[in-house]
N, C-alpha and C. Protein backbone atom coordinates (compact mmCIF):
# COMPACT_ATOMS: atom_id res chain seq x y z
N MET A 1 35.35 -43.39 42.60
CA MET A 1 34.04 -43.83 42.97
C MET A 1 34.09 -44.73 44.21
N TYR A 2 34.95 -45.73 44.17
CA TYR A 2 35.06 -46.63 45.32
C TYR A 2 35.65 -45.94 46.53
N ARG A 3 36.47 -44.93 46.27
CA ARG A 3 37.07 -44.19 47.38
C ARG A 3 35.99 -43.45 48.17
N ASN A 4 35.05 -42.81 47.47
CA ASN A 4 33.95 -42.11 48.14
C ASN A 4 33.06 -43.09 48.88
N LEU A 5 32.83 -44.25 48.27
CA LEU A 5 32.01 -45.26 48.92
C LEU A 5 32.66 -45.74 50.21
N LEU A 6 33.94 -46.02 50.17
CA LEU A 6 34.65 -46.46 51.38
C LEU A 6 34.67 -45.38 52.45
N ARG A 7 34.81 -44.14 52.02
CA ARG A 7 34.82 -43.03 52.98
C ARG A 7 33.45 -42.90 53.65
N ASN A 8 32.38 -43.01 52.87
CA ASN A 8 31.04 -42.92 53.44
C ASN A 8 30.74 -44.09 54.37
N ILE A 9 31.18 -45.27 54.01
CA ILE A 9 30.98 -46.44 54.88
C ILE A 9 31.75 -46.28 56.17
N SER A 10 32.95 -45.74 56.10
CA SER A 10 33.73 -45.56 57.32
C SER A 10 33.09 -44.51 58.23
N TRP A 11 32.55 -43.43 57.66
CA TRP A 11 31.85 -42.43 58.47
C TRP A 11 30.62 -43.02 59.12
N LEU A 12 29.88 -43.81 58.37
CA LEU A 12 28.69 -44.44 58.92
C LEU A 12 29.05 -45.40 60.04
N THR A 13 30.12 -46.15 59.87
CA THR A 13 30.56 -47.09 60.90
C THR A 13 30.98 -46.36 62.16
N MET A 14 31.75 -45.30 62.02
CA MET A 14 32.20 -44.55 63.20
C MET A 14 31.02 -43.90 63.92
N ALA A 15 30.09 -43.35 63.17
CA ALA A 15 28.92 -42.73 63.79
C ALA A 15 28.06 -43.78 64.50
N ASN A 16 27.93 -44.93 63.90
CA ASN A 16 27.17 -46.01 64.51
C ASN A 16 27.82 -46.47 65.80
N LEU A 17 29.13 -46.60 65.80
CA LEU A 17 29.86 -47.00 67.01
C LEU A 17 29.76 -45.95 68.11
N ALA A 18 29.63 -44.70 67.74
CA ALA A 18 29.52 -43.64 68.75
C ALA A 18 28.11 -43.54 69.31
N VAL A 19 27.10 -43.74 68.48
CA VAL A 19 25.72 -43.52 68.90
C VAL A 19 25.14 -44.70 69.66
N LYS A 20 25.46 -45.92 69.28
CA LYS A 20 24.85 -47.09 69.91
C LYS A 20 25.08 -47.14 71.43
N PRO A 21 26.29 -46.92 71.93
CA PRO A 21 26.45 -46.93 73.40
C PRO A 21 25.67 -45.81 74.09
N LEU A 22 25.61 -44.64 73.47
CA LEU A 22 24.85 -43.54 74.07
C LEU A 22 23.36 -43.87 74.11
N TRP A 23 22.85 -44.46 73.05
CA TRP A 23 21.44 -44.86 73.02
C TRP A 23 21.16 -45.92 74.07
N PHE A 24 22.08 -46.88 74.22
CA PHE A 24 21.92 -47.93 75.22
C PHE A 24 21.88 -47.33 76.63
N LEU A 25 22.77 -46.40 76.92
CA LEU A 25 22.77 -45.76 78.24
C LEU A 25 21.49 -44.96 78.47
N PHE A 26 21.02 -44.28 77.45
CA PHE A 26 19.79 -43.50 77.59
C PHE A 26 18.60 -44.41 77.86
N ILE A 27 18.48 -45.49 77.11
CA ILE A 27 17.33 -46.39 77.27
C ILE A 27 17.39 -47.11 78.61
N THR A 28 18.57 -47.61 78.98
CA THR A 28 18.64 -48.40 80.21
C THR A 28 18.67 -47.54 81.46
N ALA A 29 19.46 -46.49 81.48
CA ALA A 29 19.59 -45.70 82.70
C ALA A 29 18.65 -44.50 82.73
N GLY A 30 18.66 -43.72 81.68
CA GLY A 30 17.87 -42.49 81.67
C GLY A 30 16.38 -42.72 81.68
N CYS A 31 15.91 -43.55 80.77
CA CYS A 31 14.46 -43.77 80.67
C CYS A 31 13.90 -44.48 81.91
N MET A 32 14.66 -45.38 82.48
CA MET A 32 14.16 -46.07 83.66
C MET A 32 13.93 -45.10 84.81
N ARG A 33 14.81 -44.15 84.97
CA ARG A 33 14.66 -43.19 86.06
C ARG A 33 13.60 -42.15 85.77
N ILE A 34 13.52 -41.72 84.53
CA ILE A 34 12.56 -40.69 84.17
C ILE A 34 11.14 -41.23 84.16
N LEU A 35 10.95 -42.41 83.53
CA LEU A 35 9.61 -42.93 83.33
C LEU A 35 9.06 -43.72 84.51
N GLY A 36 9.90 -44.43 85.20
CA GLY A 36 9.42 -45.32 86.24
C GLY A 36 9.14 -46.70 85.66
N ALA A 37 8.79 -47.64 86.53
CA ALA A 37 8.67 -49.03 86.10
C ALA A 37 7.51 -49.26 85.14
N GLU A 38 6.34 -48.72 85.45
CA GLU A 38 5.17 -49.01 84.63
C GLU A 38 5.28 -48.38 83.23
N GLN A 39 5.64 -47.12 83.16
CA GLN A 39 5.76 -46.46 81.86
C GLN A 39 6.92 -47.01 81.05
N TYR A 40 7.99 -47.45 81.73
CA TYR A 40 9.12 -48.06 81.02
C TYR A 40 8.68 -49.37 80.37
N GLY A 41 7.85 -50.14 81.04
CA GLY A 41 7.32 -51.37 80.46
C GLY A 41 6.43 -51.09 79.27
N VAL A 42 5.61 -50.05 79.37
CA VAL A 42 4.75 -49.67 78.24
C VAL A 42 5.61 -49.25 77.06
N MET A 43 6.67 -48.49 77.31
CA MET A 43 7.56 -48.06 76.23
C MET A 43 8.22 -49.26 75.56
N ASN A 44 8.70 -50.22 76.34
CA ASN A 44 9.33 -51.40 75.76
C ASN A 44 8.34 -52.24 74.96
N ALA A 45 7.12 -52.35 75.45
CA ALA A 45 6.09 -53.09 74.71
C ALA A 45 5.79 -52.39 73.38
N ALA A 46 5.70 -51.07 73.41
CA ALA A 46 5.43 -50.32 72.18
C ALA A 46 6.58 -50.46 71.19
N LEU A 47 7.82 -50.40 71.68
CA LEU A 47 8.97 -50.59 70.79
C LEU A 47 8.99 -51.98 70.19
N SER A 48 8.65 -52.99 70.97
CA SER A 48 8.62 -54.36 70.45
C SER A 48 7.53 -54.53 69.41
N LEU A 49 6.34 -54.04 69.69
CA LEU A 49 5.26 -54.12 68.72
C LEU A 49 5.57 -53.33 67.46
N GLY A 50 6.22 -52.21 67.62
CA GLY A 50 6.63 -51.43 66.46
C GLY A 50 7.64 -52.17 65.60
N GLY A 51 8.57 -52.87 66.23
CA GLY A 51 9.53 -53.67 65.47
C GLY A 51 8.88 -54.81 64.72
N ILE A 52 7.92 -55.46 65.37
CA ILE A 52 7.19 -56.54 64.71
C ILE A 52 6.38 -55.98 63.55
N ALA A 53 5.69 -54.87 63.76
CA ALA A 53 4.88 -54.27 62.70
C ALA A 53 5.76 -53.82 61.53
N ALA A 54 6.93 -53.29 61.82
CA ALA A 54 7.82 -52.83 60.75
C ALA A 54 8.28 -53.99 59.87
N SER A 55 8.43 -55.17 60.47
CA SER A 55 8.87 -56.30 59.66
C SER A 55 7.77 -56.83 58.76
N PHE A 56 6.50 -56.62 59.12
CA PHE A 56 5.39 -57.11 58.32
C PHE A 56 4.70 -56.03 57.49
N ILE A 57 5.06 -54.78 57.67
CA ILE A 57 4.29 -53.68 57.08
C ILE A 57 4.36 -53.65 55.56
N ASP A 58 5.44 -54.09 54.96
CA ASP A 58 5.51 -54.01 53.51
C ASP A 58 4.85 -55.20 52.81
N ILE A 59 4.50 -56.24 53.54
CA ILE A 59 3.78 -57.41 53.04
C ILE A 59 4.45 -57.97 51.79
N GLY A 60 5.75 -57.94 51.75
CA GLY A 60 6.47 -58.51 50.61
C GLY A 60 6.52 -57.64 49.39
N MET A 61 6.06 -56.41 49.49
CA MET A 61 6.01 -55.54 48.31
C MET A 61 7.39 -55.06 47.88
N THR A 62 8.35 -55.04 48.78
CA THR A 62 9.69 -54.58 48.42
C THR A 62 10.28 -55.47 47.35
N ARG A 63 10.20 -56.77 47.53
CA ARG A 63 10.74 -57.69 46.52
C ARG A 63 9.99 -57.58 45.21
N TYR A 64 8.68 -57.41 45.29
CA TYR A 64 7.87 -57.29 44.08
C TYR A 64 8.23 -56.02 43.30
N SER A 65 8.36 -54.89 44.01
CA SER A 65 8.67 -53.65 43.31
C SER A 65 10.08 -53.64 42.74
N VAL A 66 11.03 -54.30 43.39
CA VAL A 66 12.38 -54.38 42.83
C VAL A 66 12.34 -55.24 41.57
N ARG A 67 11.59 -56.31 41.60
CA ARG A 67 11.50 -57.20 40.45
C ARG A 67 10.85 -56.49 39.27
N GLU A 68 9.82 -55.72 39.53
CA GLU A 68 9.12 -55.03 38.44
C GLU A 68 9.93 -53.84 37.96
């Protein structure tokens, strides 16, 4: 059981290490050239607002549902 868990965690870690730099290059280099300055700013604002909304969207219901 623990062996499968460790194997899955290691796969997830390796995939995360491979994808994060590619995502960073795409967002910083690719999107800036494709979208231009104004649309890139709009995209960053939307991503920021989405992150803020995601943190408040459950309104504390996750803890309540786990408790119940």
